[in-house]
Protein backbone atom coordinates (compact mmCIF):
# COMPACT_ATOMS: atom_id res chain seq x y z
CA MET A 1 0.00 0.00 0.00
CA ASP A 2 1.07 3.53 -0.69
CA LEU A 3 0.18 6.29 1.73
CA ILE A 4 0.51 9.82 0.36
CA LEU A 5 0.61 12.58 2.97
CA TRP A 6 -0.33 16.01 1.57
CA ARG A 7 -0.10 18.93 3.93
CA HIS A 8 -2.51 21.74 3.15
CA ALA A 9 -1.07 24.70 1.26
CA GLU A 10 -0.33 28.10 2.80
CA ALA A 11 -3.35 29.60 4.58
CA GLU A 12 -4.29 33.03 5.89
CA ALA A 13 -3.37 33.80 9.49
CA GLY A 14 -6.32 33.17 11.75
CA ALA A 15 -8.09 35.83 13.77
CA PRO A 16 -8.27 35.16 17.52
CA ASP A 17 -12.07 35.27 17.51
CA GLU A 18 -12.56 32.94 14.49
CA PRO A 19 -12.40 29.14 14.42
CA ASP A 20 -9.09 27.85 13.06
CA ASP A 21 -10.94 25.49 10.69
CA ASP A 22 -12.30 28.54 8.84
CA ARG A 23 -8.89 29.72 7.61
CA VAL A 24 -8.65 29.90 3.80
CA LEU A 25 -5.72 29.54 1.42
CA THR A 26 -3.68 32.57 0.46
CA GLN A 27 -3.03 33.38 -3.19
CA LYS A 28 0.34 31.64 -2.79
CA GLY A 29 -1.47 28.68 -1.20
CA HIS A 30 -3.78 28.32 -4.20
CA LYS A 31 -0.70 28.29 -6.48
CA GLN A 32 0.99 25.68 -4.26
CA ALA A 33 -2.12 23.48 -4.29
CA SER A 34 -2.51 23.80 -8.05
CA ARG A 35 1.12 22.88 -8.76
CA MET A 36 1.06 19.91 -6.40
CA ALA A 37 -2.28 18.75 -7.78
CA ARG A 38 -0.81 18.76 -11.30
CA TRP A 39 2.08 16.58 -10.14
CA LEU A 40 -0.20 14.24 -8.18
CA ASP A 41 -2.61 13.89 -11.08
CA GLN A 42 0.26 12.67 -13.27
CA ASN A 43 1.51 10.21 -10.65
CA LEU A 44 -1.50 8.90 -8.70
CA PRO A 45 -3.32 5.81 -9.91
CA ASN A 46 -6.95 6.38 -10.96
CA GLY A 47 -8.39 4.25 -8.14
CA CYS A 48 -6.63 6.19 -5.41
CA LYS A 49 -8.75 7.00 -2.35
CA ILE A 50 -8.49 10.62 -1.15
CA LEU A 51 -9.40 11.57 2.42
CA VAL A 52 -9.47 15.18 3.59
CA SER A 53 -9.66 17.01 6.91
CA PRO A 54 -12.86 19.06 7.34
CA ALA A 55 -10.89 22.35 7.62
CA ILE A 56 -11.53 24.81 4.78
CA ARG A 57 -7.84 25.10 3.86
CA THR A 58 -7.53 21.32 3.39
CA LEU A 59 -10.72 21.21 1.33
CA GLN A 60 -9.39 24.00 -0.90
CA THR A 61 -6.08 22.15 -1.25
CA ALA A 62 -7.80 18.88 -2.22
CA ARG A 63 -10.19 20.58 -4.68
CA ALA A 64 -7.17 21.64 -6.75
CA LEU A 65 -6.70 17.96 -7.65
CA ASP A 66 -10.18 17.82 -9.22
CA ARG A 67 -10.83 14.23 -8.12
CA LYS A 68 -13.49 12.83 -5.84
CA PHE A 69 -12.59 12.88 -2.16
CA LYS A 70 -14.20 12.19 1.20
CA VAL A 71 -14.09 14.47 4.21
CA HIS A 72 -12.96 12.42 7.22
CA GLN A 73 -13.13 13.67 10.81
CA GLY A 74 -10.18 11.41 11.69
CA LEU A 75 -7.96 13.85 9.77
CA ALA A 76 -9.12 16.97 11.64
CA GLN A 77 -6.60 19.36 13.10
CA ASP A 78 -6.48 17.44 16.39
CA ALA A 79 -5.78 14.14 14.61
CA THR A 80 -3.24 11.69 15.94
CA PRO A 81 -1.06 9.30 13.96
CA ALA A 82 -3.38 6.51 15.16
CA SER A 83 -6.49 8.26 13.83
CA LEU A 84 -4.75 8.90 10.49
CA LEU A 85 -3.79 5.22 10.20
CA ALA A 86 -7.35 4.17 11.09
CA ALA A 87 -8.80 6.50 8.46
CA ALA A 88 -6.46 5.07 5.81
CA ASN A 89 -7.05 1.49 7.04
CA TRP A 90 -3.27 1.04 7.12
CA PRO A 91 -1.74 -1.44 6.59
CA ASP A 92 -4.70 -3.59 5.51
CA ASN A 93 -5.91 -1.41 2.64
CA ARG A 94 -4.16 -2.49 -0.58
CA GLU A 95 -5.14 0.61 -2.57
CA PRO A 96 -3.17 3.88 -2.42
CA VAL A 97 -4.60 6.51 -0.09
CA VAL A 98 -3.98 10.26 -0.04
CA LEU A 99 -4.43 12.01 3.31
CA VAL A 100 -4.81 15.80 3.09
CA GLY A 101 -4.22 17.14 6.56
CA HIS A 102 -2.22 19.13 9.08
CA GLN A 103 0.93 19.38 11.11
CA PRO A 104 1.99 18.03 13.50
CA SER A 105 0.04 14.80 12.91
CA LEU A 106 1.23 14.25 9.31
CA GLY A 107 4.87 14.67 10.32
CA GLN A 108 4.42 12.41 13.34
CA LEU A 109 2.85 9.76 11.12
CA ALA A 110 5.69 10.00 8.59
CA ALA A 111 8.24 9.57 11.39
CA LEU A 112 6.36 6.58 12.81
CA LEU A 113 6.08 4.80 9.47
CA ILE A 114 9.63 5.48 8.30
CA SER A 115 11.69 5.38 11.51
CA GLY A 116 9.36 3.33 13.72
CA VAL A 117 9.31 6.09 16.36
CA GLU A 118 6.71 8.82 16.72
CA GLN A 119 8.66 12.06 16.49
CA ASP A 120 7.87 15.61 15.41
CA TRP A 121 9.01 15.68 11.79
CA ALA A 122 8.07 18.76 9.78
CA ILE A 123 6.19 18.53 6.51
CA ARG A 124 6.18 21.94 4.84
CA LYS A 125 2.98 23.56 3.63
CA GLY A 126 1.80 22.17 0.32
CA ASN A 127 4.36 19.33 0.31
CA VAL A 128 3.69 15.66 -0.35
CA TRP A 129 5.43 12.73 1.30
CA TRP A 130 4.79 9.42 -0.48
CA ILE A 131 5.34 6.41 1.79
CA ALA A 132 5.16 2.82 0.53
CA GLN A 133 5.19 -0.60 2.14
CA ARG A 134 7.81 -3.06 1.02
CA GLU A 135 6.30 -6.04 -0.82
CA GLY A 136 7.39 -9.60 -1.49
CA GLU A 137 9.70 -11.77 0.54
CA ASP A 138 11.67 -8.80 1.86
CA ALA A 139 8.52 -7.03 3.06
CA SER A 140 9.93 -5.65 6.28
CA GLY A 141 9.16 -2.02 6.83
CA ASN A 142 8.18 1.04 4.86
CA PHE A 143 10.18 3.40 2.72
CA LEU A 144 9.95 6.94 1.48
CA ARG A 145 9.13 6.77 -2.24
CA ALA A 146 9.07 10.54 -2.88
CA VAL A 147 9.01 13.95 -1.28
CA MET A 148 7.73 16.73 -3.51
CA ALA A 149 7.48 20.46 -2.93
CA PRO A 150 5.26 22.75 -5.02
CA GLU A 151 8.16 25.08 -5.83
CA LEU A 152 9.94 22.18 -7.60
CA ILE A 153 7.08 21.73 -10.05
CA THR A 154 7.39 23.83 -13.17
CA LYS A 155 4.46 25.79 -14.46
């Protein structure tokens, strides 16, 4: 199984009296989401499942991909690595899954899957970390297949 972690793109700073989930993408964030969506669209299989946090900025990020997705509460801002794994049905799900979510949970999940230890790894805004399970006789562990940043994708 492949698990693709996509951190939401750059969002407006929140006002103290407004819910954090209501923050929207900046103009730069829309460009980041669009660039990353273009790269993902070229590399994701058609049957890929896409799960998105209910926050507006994650919804806007996922919409740039122009594929069907499901909003999943297990990816909300207060998500844990365990809730992200449960949402993705890892490691039992054989189909690739994209999780569009937040820090620090995405970084903690990446650390757990790659190093075996839950640590605070940073995934930059708009970036994708593509993690895969080893298959076959030497199927011990996971590996990092790709890390992609929107600024590396040409227009």
